[in-house]
Amino acid sequence: MYIVELILGALKKKKKNLPPPELEEFTRCEHVFMPVDSTGEMLACANCGLLKHRDMFS
């Protein structure tokens, strides 16, 4: 029984190393950033909703 638990534990650890599905969606998106508020400091992608600060584009 102990051997089975070790195998199942190893399989669970491998699954934890996978990136979350949200990150995969962000990498596949063709980002179109638009300002979120009137100051224009924060930008959000119109397609997936990814948030970025305006300074990252300067």
Protein backbone atom coordinates (compact mmCIF):
# COMPACT_ATOMS: atom_id res chain seq x y z
CA MET A 1 0.00 0.00 0.00
CA TYR A 2 2.88 2.35 0.78
CA ILE A 3 4.30 1.94 -2.74
CA VAL A 4 0.94 2.92 -4.28
CA GLU A 5 0.85 6.07 -2.12
CA LEU A 6 4.36 7.02 -3.26
CA ILE A 7 3.42 6.61 -6.91
CA LEU A 8 0.24 8.66 -6.51
CA GLY A 9 2.17 11.36 -4.64
CA ALA A 10 4.73 11.59 -7.46
CA LEU A 11 1.99 11.89 -10.07
CA LYS A 12 0.30 14.70 -8.12
CA LYS A 13 3.57 16.64 -7.90
CA LYS A 14 3.99 16.49 -11.68
CA LYS A 15 0.51 17.92 -12.21
CA LYS A 16 1.25 20.84 -9.86
CA ASN A 17 4.16 22.01 -12.05
CA LEU A 18 1.88 22.73 -15.00
CA PRO A 19 1.02 26.40 -15.58
CA PRO A 20 -2.55 27.41 -14.77
CA PRO A 21 -4.88 27.45 -17.79
CA GLU A 22 -5.35 31.21 -17.41
CA LEU A 23 -1.67 31.83 -18.18
CA GLU A 24 -1.90 29.74 -21.34
CA GLU A 25 -4.89 31.82 -22.43
CA PHE A 26 -2.96 35.06 -21.88
CA THR A 27 -0.03 33.86 -23.96
CA ARG A 28 -2.25 32.86 -26.90
CA CYS A 29 -4.22 36.12 -26.92
CA GLU A 30 -3.50 38.89 -29.43
CA HIS A 31 -3.57 41.69 -26.87
CA VAL A 32 -5.38 44.94 -27.62
CA PHE A 33 -4.83 47.16 -24.59
CA MET A 34 -7.25 49.95 -23.67
CA PRO A 35 -7.25 52.28 -20.63
CA VAL A 36 -9.26 51.10 -17.64
CA ASP A 37 -9.82 54.51 -16.03
CA SER A 38 -9.59 58.19 -16.92
CA THR A 39 -5.97 58.50 -15.75
CA GLY A 40 -4.77 55.89 -18.25
CA GLU A 41 -2.35 54.39 -15.70
CA MET A 42 -3.77 50.86 -15.95
CA LEU A 43 -4.47 49.16 -19.26
CA ALA A 44 -6.57 46.04 -19.84
CA CYS A 45 -6.69 43.74 -22.84
CA ALA A 46 -10.04 43.99 -24.61
CA ASN A 47 -9.90 40.28 -25.51
CA CYS A 48 -8.75 38.47 -22.34
CA GLY A 49 -8.75 41.10 -19.58
CA LEU A 50 -5.01 40.97 -18.78
CA LEU A 51 -4.01 44.05 -16.73
CA LYS A 52 -0.76 45.94 -17.33
CA HIS A 53 0.65 49.18 -15.97
CA ARG A 54 1.25 51.91 -18.56
CA ASP A 55 4.97 52.13 -17.67
CA MET A 56 5.55 48.62 -19.04
CA PHE A 57 4.94 49.93 -22.56
CA SER A 58 7.32 52.90 -22.35
